[in-house]
């Protein structure tokens, strides 16, 4: 089975597509793939612990890795203490490494 990186850039509170991508990530994970959801741009708003998004809890429990671009977090004024424990802030290099290692990317 393949590895997938779903790259989400849209604000989860303005786009219904965010939950659709979370459903896709869960489906791929349940089918046996290794799945990472990488939050970039406005999607990092989902990384705040105050966001309380059930989709992220569900993904985390199923084994989907949840990452957020640390630059996008800083640009939006989200401090480390405000980030959900489910989400790991990382440099964008982590995405490039995953792609270089052969993960299939789905970008939105």
PDB file of N, CA and C in Angstrom:
ATOM      1  N   UNK A   1       0.854  -1.185   0.000  1.00  0.00           N
ATOM      2  CA  UNK A   1       0.000   0.000   0.000  1.00  0.00           C
ATOM      3  C   UNK A   1       0.888   1.232   0.000  1.00  0.00           C
ATOM      4  N   UNK A   2       0.403   2.273  -0.549  1.00  0.00           N
ATOM      5  CA  UNK A   2       1.152   3.517  -0.701  1.00  0.00           C
ATOM      6  C   UNK A   2       1.089   4.386   0.539  1.00  0.00           C
ATOM      7  N   UNK A   3       2.026   5.318   0.591  1.00  0.00           N
ATOM      8  CA  UNK A   3       1.998   6.394   1.585  1.00  0.00           C
ATOM      9  C   UNK A   3       1.382   7.613   0.919  1.00  0.00           C
ATOM     10  N   UNK A   4       0.549   8.330   1.667  1.00  0.00           N
ATOM     11  CA  UNK A   4      -0.108   9.517   1.146  1.00  0.00           C
ATOM     12  C   UNK A   4       0.145  10.710   2.056  1.00  0.00           C
ATOM     13  N   UNK A   5       0.327  11.860   1.427  1.00  0.00           N
ATOM     14  CA  UNK A   5       0.367  13.122   2.148  1.00  0.00           C
ATOM     15  C   UNK A   5      -0.753  13.976   1.581  1.00  0.00           C
ATOM     16  N   UNK A   6      -1.728  14.267   2.417  1.00  0.00           N
ATOM     17  CA  UNK A   6      -2.812  15.157   2.024  1.00  0.00           C
ATOM     18  C   UNK A   6      -2.439  16.541   2.513  1.00  0.00           C
ATOM     19  N   UNK A   7      -2.279  17.461   1.589  1.00  0.00           N
ATOM     20  CA  UNK A   7      -1.851  18.819   1.899  1.00  0.00           C
ATOM     21  C   UNK A   7      -3.080  19.713   1.864  1.00  0.00           C
ATOM     22  N   UNK A   8      -3.429  20.225   3.029  1.00  0.00           N
ATOM     23  CA  UNK A   8      -4.635  21.037   3.144  1.00  0.00           C
ATOM     24  C   UNK A   8      -4.251  22.489   3.363  1.00  0.00           C
ATOM     25  N   UNK A   9      -4.790  23.373   2.524  1.00  0.00           N
ATOM     26  CA  UNK A   9      -4.459  24.791   2.626  1.00  0.00           C
ATOM     27  C   UNK A   9      -5.652  25.670   2.984  1.00  0.00           C
ATOM     28  N   UNK A  10      -6.850  25.130   2.946  1.00  0.00           N
ATOM     29  CA  UNK A  10      -8.044  25.955   3.153  1.00  0.00           C
ATOM     30  C   UNK A  10      -8.437  26.041   4.620  1.00  0.00           C
ATOM     31  N   UNK A  11      -8.980  27.180   4.976  1.00  0.00           N
ATOM     32  CA  UNK A  11      -9.503  27.423   6.319  1.00  0.00           C
ATOM     33  C   UNK A  11     -10.613  26.407   6.600  1.00  0.00           C
ATOM     34  N   UNK A  12     -10.488  25.620   7.665  1.00  0.00           N
ATOM     35  CA  UNK A  12     -11.487  24.586   7.934  1.00  0.00           C
ATOM     36  C   UNK A  12     -12.859  25.145   8.292  1.00  0.00           C
ATOM     37  N   UNK A  13     -12.923  26.413   8.655  1.00  0.00           N
ATOM     38  CA  UNK A  13     -14.189  27.022   9.052  1.00  0.00           C
ATOM     39  C   UNK A  13     -14.882  27.725   7.890  1.00  0.00           C
ATOM     40  N   UNK A  14     -14.202  27.811   6.753  1.00  0.00           N
ATOM     41  CA  UNK A  14     -14.781  28.442   5.569  1.00  0.00           C
ATOM     42  C   UNK A  14     -14.965  27.477   4.402  1.00  0.00           C
ATOM     43  N   UNK A  15     -14.454  26.272   4.546  1.00  0.00           N
ATOM     44  CA  UNK A  15     -14.490  25.327   3.439  1.00  0.00           C
ATOM     45  C   UNK A  15     -15.044  23.983   3.903  1.00  0.00           C
ATOM     46  N   UNK A  16     -16.101  23.532   3.256  1.00  0.00           N
ATOM     47  CA  UNK A  16     -16.618  22.197   3.553  1.00  0.00           C
ATOM     48  C   UNK A  16     -15.654  21.123   3.085  1.00  0.00           C
ATOM     49  N   UNK A  17     -14.776  21.491   2.181  1.00  0.00           N
ATOM     50  CA  UNK A  17     -13.816  20.538   1.654  1.00  0.00           C
ATOM     51  C   UNK A  17     -12.859  20.004   2.697  1.00  0.00           C
ATOM     52  N   UNK A  18     -12.641  20.760   3.768  1.00  0.00           N
ATOM     53  CA  UNK A  18     -11.724  20.311   4.813  1.00  0.00           C
ATOM     54  C   UNK A  18     -12.189  18.974   5.394  1.00  0.00           C
ATOM     55  N   UNK A  19     -13.445  18.866   5.736  1.00  0.00           N
ATOM     56  CA  UNK A  19     -13.939  17.613   6.325  1.00  0.00           C
ATOM     57  C   UNK A  19     -13.955  16.493   5.279  1.00  0.00           C
ATOM     58  N   UNK A  20     -14.128  16.848   4.012  1.00  0.00           N
ATOM     59  CA  UNK A  20     -14.065  15.835   2.962  1.00  0.00           C
ATOM     60  C   UNK A  20     -12.664  15.253   2.849  1.00  0.00           C
ATOM     61  N   UNK A  21     -11.649  16.110   2.957  1.00  0.00           N
ATOM     62  CA  UNK A  21     -10.285  15.614   2.917  1.00  0.00           C
ATOM     63  C   UNK A  21      -9.973  14.777   4.155  1.00  0.00           C
ATOM     64  N   UNK A  22     -10.528  15.147   5.281  1.00  0.00           N
ATOM     65  CA  UNK A  22     -10.348  14.338   6.495  1.00  0.00           C
ATOM     66  C   UNK A  22     -10.985  12.963   6.307  1.00  0.00           C
ATOM     67  N   UNK A  23     -12.149  12.920   5.677  1.00  0.00           N
ATOM     68  CA  UNK A  23     -12.799  11.638   5.385  1.00  0.00           C
ATOM     69  C   UNK A  23     -11.939  10.798   4.447  1.00  0.00           C
ATOM     70  N   UNK A  24     -11.347  11.446   3.451  1.00  0.00           N
ATOM     71  CA  UNK A  24     -10.464  10.738   2.523  1.00  0.00           C
ATOM     72  C   UNK A  24      -9.251  10.176   3.266  1.00  0.00           C
ATOM     73  N   UNK A  25      -8.662  10.983   4.132  1.00  0.00           N
ATOM     74  CA  UNK A  25      -7.504  10.523   4.910  1.00  0.00           C
ATOM     75  C   UNK A  25      -7.865   9.306   5.751  1.00  0.00           C
ATOM     76  N   UNK A  26      -9.019   9.347   6.384  1.00  0.00           N
ATOM     77  CA  UNK A  26      -9.468   8.231   7.209  1.00  0.00           C
ATOM     78  C   UNK A  26      -9.694   6.983   6.368  1.00  0.00           C
ATOM     79  N   UNK A  27     -10.319   7.146   5.212  1.00  0.00           N
ATOM     80  CA  UNK A  27     -10.569   6.009   4.323  1.00  0.00           C
ATOM     81  C   UNK A  27      -9.263   5.373   3.866  1.00  0.00           C
ATOM     82  N   UNK A  28      -8.302   6.199   3.460  1.00  0.00           N
ATOM     83  CA  UNK A  28      -7.003   5.672   3.030  1.00  0.00           C
ATOM     84  C   UNK A  28      -6.310   4.936   4.174  1.00  0.00           C
ATOM     85  N   UNK A  29      -6.367   5.514   5.373  1.00  0.00           N
ATOM     86  CA  UNK A  29      -5.746   4.898   6.543  1.00  0.00           C
ATOM     87  C   UNK A  29      -6.403   3.545   6.848  1.00  0.00           C
ATOM     88  N   UNK A  30      -7.714   3.495   6.795  1.00  0.00           N
ATOM     89  CA  UNK A  30      -8.428   2.243   7.077  1.00  0.00           C
ATOM     90  C   UNK A  30      -8.171   1.187   6.010  1.00  0.00           C
ATOM     91  N   UNK A  31      -7.806   1.632   4.805  1.00  0.00           N
ATOM     92  CA  UNK A  31      -7.457   0.701   3.728  1.00  0.00           C
ATOM     93  C   UNK A  31      -6.017   0.211   3.836  1.00  0.00           C
ATOM     94  N   UNK A  32      -5.300   0.676   4.853  1.00  0.00           N
ATOM     95  CA  UNK A  32      -3.944   0.175   5.092  1.00  0.00           C
ATOM     96  C   UNK A  32      -2.816   1.090   4.660  1.00  0.00           C
ATOM     97  N   UNK A  33      -3.125   2.258   4.136  1.00  0.00           N
ATOM     98  CA  UNK A  33      -2.074   3.197   3.721  1.00  0.00           C
ATOM     99  C   UNK A  33      -1.548   3.963   4.927  1.00  0.00           C
ATOM    100  N   UNK A  34      -0.328   4.414   4.829  1.00  0.00           N
ATOM    101  CA  UNK A  34       0.221   5.348   5.815  1.00  0.00           C
ATOM    102  C   UNK A  34      -0.168   6.740   5.335  1.00  0.00           C
ATOM    103  N   UNK A  35      -0.838   7.515   6.195  1.00  0.00           N
ATOM    104  CA  UNK A  35      -1.394   8.792   5.773  1.00  0.00           C
ATOM    105  C   UNK A  35      -0.939   9.911   6.696  1.00  0.00           C
ATOM    106  N   UNK A  36      -0.559  11.025   6.078  1.00  0.00           N
ATOM    107  CA  UNK A  36      -0.223  12.248   6.803  1.00  0.00           C
ATOM    108  C   UNK A  36      -1.120  13.355   6.284  1.00  0.00           C
ATOM    109  N   UNK A  37      -1.696  14.116   7.204  1.00  0.00           N
ATOM    110  CA  UNK A  37      -2.426  15.330   6.843  1.00  0.00           C
ATOM    111  C   UNK A  37      -1.523  16.491   7.198  1.00  0.00           C
ATOM    112  N   UNK A  38      -1.105  17.248   6.190  1.00  0.00           N
ATOM    113  CA  UNK A  38      -0.174  18.355   6.389  1.00  0.00           C
ATOM    114  C   UNK A  38      -0.937  19.664   6.208  1.00  0.00           C
ATOM    115  N   UNK A  39      -1.034  20.423   7.283  1.00  0.00           N
ATOM    116  CA  UNK A  39      -1.758  21.695   7.264  1.00  0.00           C
ATOM    117  C   UNK A  39      -0.816  22.826   6.888  1.00  0.00           C
ATOM    118  N   UNK A  40      -1.192  23.580   5.862  1.00  0.00           N
ATOM    119  CA  UNK A  40      -0.415  24.731   5.408  1.00  0.00           C
ATOM    120  C   UNK A  40      -1.357  25.927   5.268  1.00  0.00           C
ATOM    121  N   UNK A  41      -0.800  27.086   5.061  1.00  0.00           N
ATOM    122  CA  UNK A  41      -1.560  28.319   4.850  1.00  0.00           C
ATOM    123  C   UNK A  41      -2.680  28.440   5.888  1.00  0.00           C
ATOM    124  N   UNK A  42      -3.906  28.764   5.480  1.00  0.00           N
ATOM    125  CA  UNK A  42      -5.000  28.982   6.436  1.00  0.00           C
ATOM    126  C   UNK A  42      -5.508  27.710   7.104  1.00  0.00           C
ATOM    127  N   UNK A  43      -5.136  26.560   6.593  1.00  0.00           N
ATOM    128  CA  UNK A  43      -5.569  25.310   7.227  1.00  0.00           C
ATOM    129  C   UNK A  43      -4.959  25.135   8.611  1.00  0.00           C
ATOM    130  N   UNK A  44      -3.861  25.847   8.901  1.00  0.00           N
ATOM    131  CA  UNK A  44      -3.256  25.718  10.235  1.00  0.00           C
ATOM    132  C   UNK A  44      -4.182  26.242  11.329  1.00  0.00           C
ATOM    133  N   UNK A  45      -5.230  26.965  10.968  1.00  0.00           N
ATOM    134  CA  UNK A  45      -6.198  27.409  11.972  1.00  0.00           C
ATOM    135  C   UNK A  45      -6.833  26.203  12.664  1.00  0.00           C
ATOM    136  N   UNK A  46      -6.860  25.075  11.998  1.00  0.00           N
ATOM    137  CA  UNK A  46      -7.392  23.843  12.589  1.00  0.00           C
ATOM    138  C   UNK A  46      -6.481  23.301  13.676  1.00  0.00           C
ATOM    139  N   UNK A  47      -5.215  23.701  13.673  1.00  0.00           N
ATOM    140  CA  UNK A  47      -4.237  23.177  14.627  1.00  0.00           C
ATOM    141  C   UNK A  47      -4.387  23.757  16.027  1.00  0.00           C
ATOM    142  N   UNK A  48      -5.140  24.837  16.151  1.00  0.00           N
ATOM    143  CA  UNK A  48      -5.317  25.452  17.470  1.00  0.00           C
ATOM    144  C   UNK A  48      -6.129  24.525  18.368  1.00  0.00           C
ATOM    145  N   UNK A  49      -5.704  24.382  19.607  1.00  0.00           N
ATOM    146  CA  UNK A  49      -6.451  23.524  20.527  1.00  0.00           C
ATOM    147  C   UNK A  49      -7.866  24.050  20.735  1.00  0.00           C
ATOM    148  N   UNK A  50      -8.057  25.345  20.635  1.00  0.00           N
ATOM    149  CA  UNK A  50      -9.387  25.925  20.814  1.00  0.00           C
ATOM    150  C   UNK A  50     -10.324  25.631  19.641  1.00  0.00           C
ATOM    151  N   UNK A  51      -9.789  25.156  18.528  1.00  0.00           N
ATOM    152  CA  UNK A  51     -10.618  24.837  17.365  1.00  0.00           C
ATOM    153  C   UNK A  51     -11.523  23.630  17.637  1.00  0.00           C
ATOM    154  N   UNK A  52     -11.037  22.694  18.457  1.00  0.00           N
ATOM    155  CA  UNK A  52     -11.824  21.512  18.842  1.00  0.00           C
ATOM    156  C   UNK A  52     -12.475  20.812  17.655  1.00  0.00           C
ATOM    157  N   UNK A  53     -11.697  20.523  16.638  1.00  0.00           N
ATOM    158  CA  UNK A  53     -12.249  19.862  15.457  1.00  0.00           C
ATOM    159  C   UNK A  53     -12.292  18.351  15.670  1.00  0.00           C
ATOM    160  N   UNK A  54     -13.475  17.805  15.608  1.00  0.00           N
ATOM    161  CA  UNK A  54     -13.649  16.356  15.789  1.00  0.00           C
ATOM    162  C   UNK A  54     -12.927  15.564  14.717  1.00  0.00           C
ATOM    163  N   UNK A  55     -12.842  16.154  13.520  1.00  0.00           N
ATOM    164  CA  UNK A  55     -12.165  15.451  12.427  1.00  0.00           C
ATOM    165  C   UNK A  55     -10.726  15.121  12.799  1.00  0.00           C
ATOM    166  N   UNK A  56     -10.029  16.069  13.425  1.00  0.00           N
ATOM    167  CA  UNK A  56      -8.632  15.821  13.784  1.00  0.00           C
ATOM    168  C   UNK A  56      -8.518  14.771  14.878  1.00  0.00           C
ATOM    169  N   UNK A  57      -9.426  14.779  15.825  1.00  0.00           N
ATOM    170  CA  UNK A  57      -9.422  13.750  16.872  1.00  0.00           C
ATOM    171  C   UNK A  57      -9.616  12.367  16.259  1.00  0.00           C
ATOM    172  N   UNK A  58     -10.553  12.275  15.349  1.00  0.00           N
ATOM    173  CA  UNK A  58     -10.849  11.011  14.685  1.00  0.00           C
ATOM    174  C   UNK A  58      -9.633  10.512  13.893  1.00  0.00           C
ATOM    175  N   UNK A  59      -8.995  11.418  13.162  1.00  0.00           N
ATOM    176  CA  UNK A  59      -7.822  11.048  12.382  1.00  0.00           C
ATOM    177  C   UNK A  59      -6.675  10.599  13.279  1.00  0.00           C
ATOM    178  N   UNK A  60      -6.442  11.340  14.336  1.00  0.00           N
ATOM    179  CA  UNK A  60      -5.368  11.003  15.260  1.00  0.00           C
ATOM    180  C   UNK A  60      -5.577   9.620  15.865  1.00  0.00           C
ATOM    181  N   UNK A  61      -6.798   9.334  16.266  1.00  0.00           N
ATOM    182  CA  UNK A  61      -7.107   8.027  16.861  1.00  0.00           C
ATOM    183  C   UNK A  61      -6.917   6.886  15.873  1.00  0.00           C
ATOM    184  N   UNK A  62      -7.110   7.176  14.582  1.00  0.00           N
ATOM    185  CA  UNK A  62      -6.967   6.132  13.563  1.00  0.00           C
ATOM    186  C   UNK A  62      -5.512   5.945  13.119  1.00  0.00           C
ATOM    187  N   UNK A  63      -4.634   6.839  13.557  1.00  0.00           N
ATOM    188  CA  UNK A  63      -3.218   6.686  13.209  1.00  0.00           C
ATOM    189  C   UNK A  63      -2.721   7.619  12.129  1.00  0.00           C
ATOM    190  N   UNK A  64      -3.564   8.525  11.650  1.00  0.00           N
ATOM    191  CA  UNK A  64      -3.119   9.506  10.660  1.00  0.00           C
ATOM    192  C   UNK A  64      -2.201  10.506  11.356  1.00  0.00           C
ATOM    193  N   UNK A  65      -1.056  10.764  10.753  1.00  0.00           N
ATOM    194  CA  UNK A  65      -0.118  11.746  11.311  1.00  0.00           C
ATOM    195  C   UNK A  65      -0.604  13.146  10.949  1.00  0.00           C
ATOM    196  N   UNK A  66      -0.659  14.032  11.948  1.00  0.00           N
ATOM    197  CA  UNK A  66      -1.141  15.394  11.744  1.00  0.00           C
ATOM    198  C   UNK A  66       0.014  16.368  11.927  1.00  0.00           C
ATOM    199  N   UNK A  67       0.370  17.062  10.853  1.00  0.00           N
ATOM    200  CA  UNK A  67       1.474  18.011  10.868  1.00  0.00           C
ATOM    201  C   UNK A  67       0.979  19.382  10.440  1.00  0.00           C
ATOM    202  N   UNK A  68       1.646  20.426  10.945  1.00  0.00           N
ATOM    203  CA  UNK A  68       1.305  21.798  10.553  1.00  0.00           C
ATOM    204  C   UNK A  68       2.583  22.563  10.272  1.00  0.00           C
ATOM    205  N   UNK A  69       2.565  23.337   9.208  1.00  0.00           N
ATOM    206  CA  UNK A  69       3.701  24.164   8.812  1.00  0.00           C
ATOM    207  C   UNK A  69       3.960  25.216   9.891  1.00  0.00           C
ATOM    208  N   UNK A  70       5.136  25.164  10.500  1.00  0.00           N
ATOM    209  CA  UNK A  70       5.438  26.092  11.595  1.00  0.00           C
ATOM    210  C   UNK A  70       5.490  27.544  11.136  1.00  0.00           C
ATOM    211  N   UNK A  71       5.891  27.790   9.899  1.00  0.00           N
ATOM    212  CA  UNK A  71       5.913  29.161   9.376  1.00  0.00           C
ATOM    213  C   UNK A  71       4.495  29.715   9.268  1.00  0.00           C
ATOM    214  N   UNK A  72       3.578  28.905   8.731  1.00  0.00           N
ATOM    215  CA  UNK A  72       2.179  29.338   8.606  1.00  0.00           C
ATOM    216  C   UNK A  72       1.564  29.586   9.978  1.00  0.00           C
ATOM    217  N   UNK A  73       1.930  28.782  10.955  1.00  0.00           N
ATOM    218  CA  UNK A  73       1.444  28.995  12.328  1.00  0.00           C
ATOM    219  C   UNK A  73       1.913  30.346  12.857  1.00  0.00           C
ATOM    220  N   UNK A  74       3.194  30.632  12.695  1.00  0.00           N
ATOM    221  CA  UNK A  74       3.749  31.913  13.174  1.00  0.00           C
ATOM    222  C   UNK A  74       3.123  33.091  12.437  1.00  0.00           C
ATOM    223  N   UNK A  75       2.939  32.961  11.140  1.00  0.00           N
ATOM    224  CA  UNK A  75       2.360  34.038  10.335  1.00  0.00           C
ATOM    225  C   UNK A  75       0.931  34.376  10.773  1.00  0.00           C
ATOM    226  N   UNK A  76       0.252  33.405  11.342  1.00  0.00           N
ATOM    227  CA  UNK A  76      -1.119  33.625  11.790  1.00  0.00           C
ATOM    228  C   UNK A  76      -1.199  33.860  13.297  1.00  0.00           C
ATOM    229  N   UNK A  77      -0.046  34.065  13.908  1.00  0.00           N
ATOM    230  CA  UNK A  77       0.005  34.410  15.327  1.00  0.00           C
ATOM    231  C   UNK A  77      -0.373  33.284  16.263  1.00  0.00           C
ATOM    232  N   UNK A  78      -0.229  32.047  15.810  1.00  0.00           N
ATOM    233  CA  UNK A  78      -0.561  30.894  16.649  1.00  0.00           C
ATOM    234  C   UNK A  78       0.705  30.450  17.377  1.00  0.00           C
ATOM    235  N   UNK A  79       0.692  30.633  18.683  1.00  0.00           N
ATOM    236  CA  UNK A  79       1.848  30.281  19.511  1.00  0.00           C
ATOM    237  C   UNK A  79       1.861  28.780  19.805  1.00  0.00           C
ATOM    238  N   UNK A  80       3.034  28.281  20.137  1.00  0.00           N
ATOM    239  CA  UNK A  80       3.210  26.857  20.434  1.00  0.00           C
ATOM    240  C   UNK A  80       2.233  26.383  21.503  1.00  0.00           C
ATOM    241  N   UNK A  81       2.019  27.186  22.527  1.00  0.00           N
ATOM    242  CA  UNK A  81       1.121  26.807  23.619  1.00  0.00           C
ATOM    243  C   UNK A  81      -0.330  26.682  23.160  1.00  0.00           C
ATOM    244  N   UNK A  82      -0.669  27.264  22.031  1.00  0.00           N
ATOM    245  CA  UNK A  82      -2.041  27.231  21.521  1.00  0.00           C
ATOM    246  C   UNK A  82      -2.310  26.050  20.589  1.00  0.00           C
ATOM    247  N   UNK A  83      -1.271  25.298  20.249  1.00  0.00           N
ATOM    248  CA  UNK A  83      -1.404  24.219  19.275  1.00  0.00           C
ATOM    249  C   UNK A  83      -1.902  22.950  19.963  1.00  0.00           C
ATOM    250  N   UNK A  84      -2.851  22.303  19.338  1.00  0.00           N
ATOM    251  CA  UNK A  84      -3.391  21.047  19.847  1.00  0.00           C
ATOM    252  C   UNK A  84      -2.279  20.018  20.002  1.00  0.00           C
ATOM    253  N   UNK A  85      -2.395  19.193  21.012  1.00  0.00           N
ATOM    254  CA  UNK A  85      -1.408  18.131  21.223  1.00  0.00           C
ATOM    255  C   UNK A  85      -1.498  17.065  20.132  1.00  0.00           C
ATOM    256  N   UNK A  86      -2.565  17.085  19.338  1.00  0.00           N
ATOM    257  CA  UNK A  86      -2.728  16.128  18.248  1.00  0.00           C
ATOM    258  C   UNK A  86      -1.878  16.489  17.034  1.00  0.00           C
ATOM    259  N   UNK A  87      -1.496  17.752  16.949  1.00  0.00           N
ATOM    260  CA  UNK A  87      -0.814  18.279  15.771  1.00  0.00           C
ATOM    261  C   UNK A  87       0.637  18.610  16.102  1.00  0.00           C
ATOM    262  N   UNK A  88       1.525  18.172  15.233  1.00  0.00           N
ATOM    263  CA  UNK A  88       2.950  18.446  15.424  1.00  0.00           C
ATOM    264  C   UNK A  88       3.384  19.556  14.460  1.00  0.00           C
ATOM    265  N   UNK A  89       3.871  20.686  14.990  1.00  0.00           N
ATOM    266  CA  UNK A  89       4.391  21.729  14.101  1.00  0.00           C
ATOM    267  C   UNK A  89       5.762  21.303  13.551  1.00  0.00           C
ATOM    268  N   UNK A  90       5.939  21.455  12.253  1.00  0.00           N
ATOM    269  CA  UNK A  90       7.181  21.067  11.598  1.00  0.00           C
ATOM    270  C   UNK A  90       7.531  22.084  10.520  1.00  0.00           C
ATOM    271  N   UNK A  91       8.766  22.053  10.109  1.00  0.00           N
ATOM    272  CA  UNK A  91       9.195  22.891   8.993  1.00  0.00           C
ATOM    273  C   UNK A  91       8.652  22.299   7.689  1.00  0.00           C
ATOM    274  N   UNK A  92       8.504  23.140   6.697  1.00  0.00           N
ATOM    275  CA  UNK A  92       8.003  22.700   5.399  1.00  0.00           C
ATOM    276  C   UNK A  92       8.911  21.628   4.787  1.00  0.00           C
ATOM    277  N   UNK A  93      10.150  21.582   5.240  1.00  0.00           N
ATOM    278  CA  UNK A  93      11.084  20.557   4.762  1.00  0.00           C
ATOM    279  C   UNK A  93      10.549  19.147   4.991  1.00  0.00           C
ATOM    280  N   UNK A  94       9.735  18.960   6.038  1.00  0.00           N
ATOM    281  CA  UNK A  94       9.167  17.642   6.324  1.00  0.00           C
ATOM    282  C   UNK A  94       8.270  17.184   5.168  1.00  0.00           C
ATOM    283  N   UNK A  95       7.561  18.122   4.579  1.00  0.00           N
ATOM    284  CA  UNK A  95       6.723  17.798   3.429  1.00  0.00           C
ATOM    285  C   UNK A  95       7.595  17.409   2.238  1.00  0.00           C
ATOM    286  N   UNK A  96       8.622  18.188   2.004  1.00  0.00           N
ATOM    287  CA  UNK A  96       9.524  17.885   0.885  1.00  0.00           C
ATOM    288  C   UNK A  96      10.186  16.524   1.062  1.00  0.00           C
ATOM    289  N   UNK A  97      10.561  16.199   2.283  1.00  0.00           N
ATOM    290  CA  UNK A  97      11.174  14.897   2.564  1.00  0.00           C
ATOM    291  C   UNK A  97      10.205  13.757   2.280  1.00  0.00           C
ATOM    292  N   UNK A  98       8.956  13.926   2.686  1.00  0.00           N
ATOM    293  CA  UNK A  98       7.949  12.889   2.441  1.00  0.00           C
ATOM    294  C   UNK A  98       7.737  12.686   0.945  1.00  0.00           C
ATOM    295  N   UNK A  99       7.684  13.778   0.204  1.00  0.00           N
ATOM    296  CA  UNK A  99       7.494  13.680  -1.241  1.00  0.00           C
ATOM    297  C   UNK A  99       8.710  13.051  -1.913  1.00  0.00           C
ATOM    298  N   UNK A 100       9.893  13.418  -1.450  1.00  0.00           N
ATOM    299  CA  UNK A 100      11.116  12.847  -2.011  1.00  0.00           C
ATOM    300  C   UNK A 100      11.220  11.351  -1.716  1.00  0.00           C
ATOM    301  N   UNK A 101      10.617  10.927  -0.615  1.00  0.00           N
ATOM    302  CA  UNK A 101      10.642   9.511  -0.237  1.00  0.00           C
ATOM    303  C   UNK A 101       9.596   8.696  -0.990  1.00  0.00           C
ATOM    304  N   UNK A 102       8.783   9.360  -1.810  1.00  0.00           N
ATOM    305  CA  UNK A 102       7.826   8.648  -2.644  1.00  0.00           C
ATOM    306  C   UNK A 102       6.378   8.693  -2.202  1.00  0.00           C
ATOM    307  N   UNK A 103       6.063   9.462  -1.181  1.00  0.00           N
ATOM    308  CA  UNK A 103       4.661   9.595  -0.774  1.00  0.00           C
ATOM    309  C   UNK A 103       3.877  10.261  -1.892  1.00  0.00           C
ATOM    310  N   UNK A 104       2.665   9.797  -2.070  1.00  0.00           N
ATOM    311  CA  UNK A 104       1.778  10.404  -3.064  1.00  0.00           C
ATOM    312  C   UNK A 104       1.107  11.596  -2.433  1.00  0.00           C
ATOM    313  N   UNK A 105       1.076  12.705  -3.160  1.00  0.00           N
ATOM    314  CA  UNK A 105       0.514  13.947  -2.634  1.00  0.00           C
ATOM    315  C   UNK A 105      -0.862  14.212  -3.212  1.00  0.00           C
ATOM    316  N   UNK A 106      -1.751  14.654  -2.338  1.00  0.00           N
ATOM    317  CA  UNK A 106      -3.057  15.149  -2.743  1.00  0.00           C
ATOM    318  C   UNK A 106      -3.150  16.542  -2.131  1.00  0.00           C
ATOM    319  N   UNK A 107      -3.180  17.559  -2.986  1.00  0.00           N
ATOM    320  CA  UNK A 107      -3.104  18.944  -2.519  1.00  0.00           C
ATOM    321  C   UNK A 107      -4.417  19.655  -2.737  1.00  0.00           C
ATOM    322  N   UNK A 108      -4.813  20.386  -1.704  1.00  0.00           N
ATOM    323  CA  UNK A 108      -5.996  21.225  -1.856  1.00  0.00           C
ATOM    324  C   UNK A 108      -5.763  22.541  -1.162  1.00  0.00           C
TER     325      UNK A 108
END
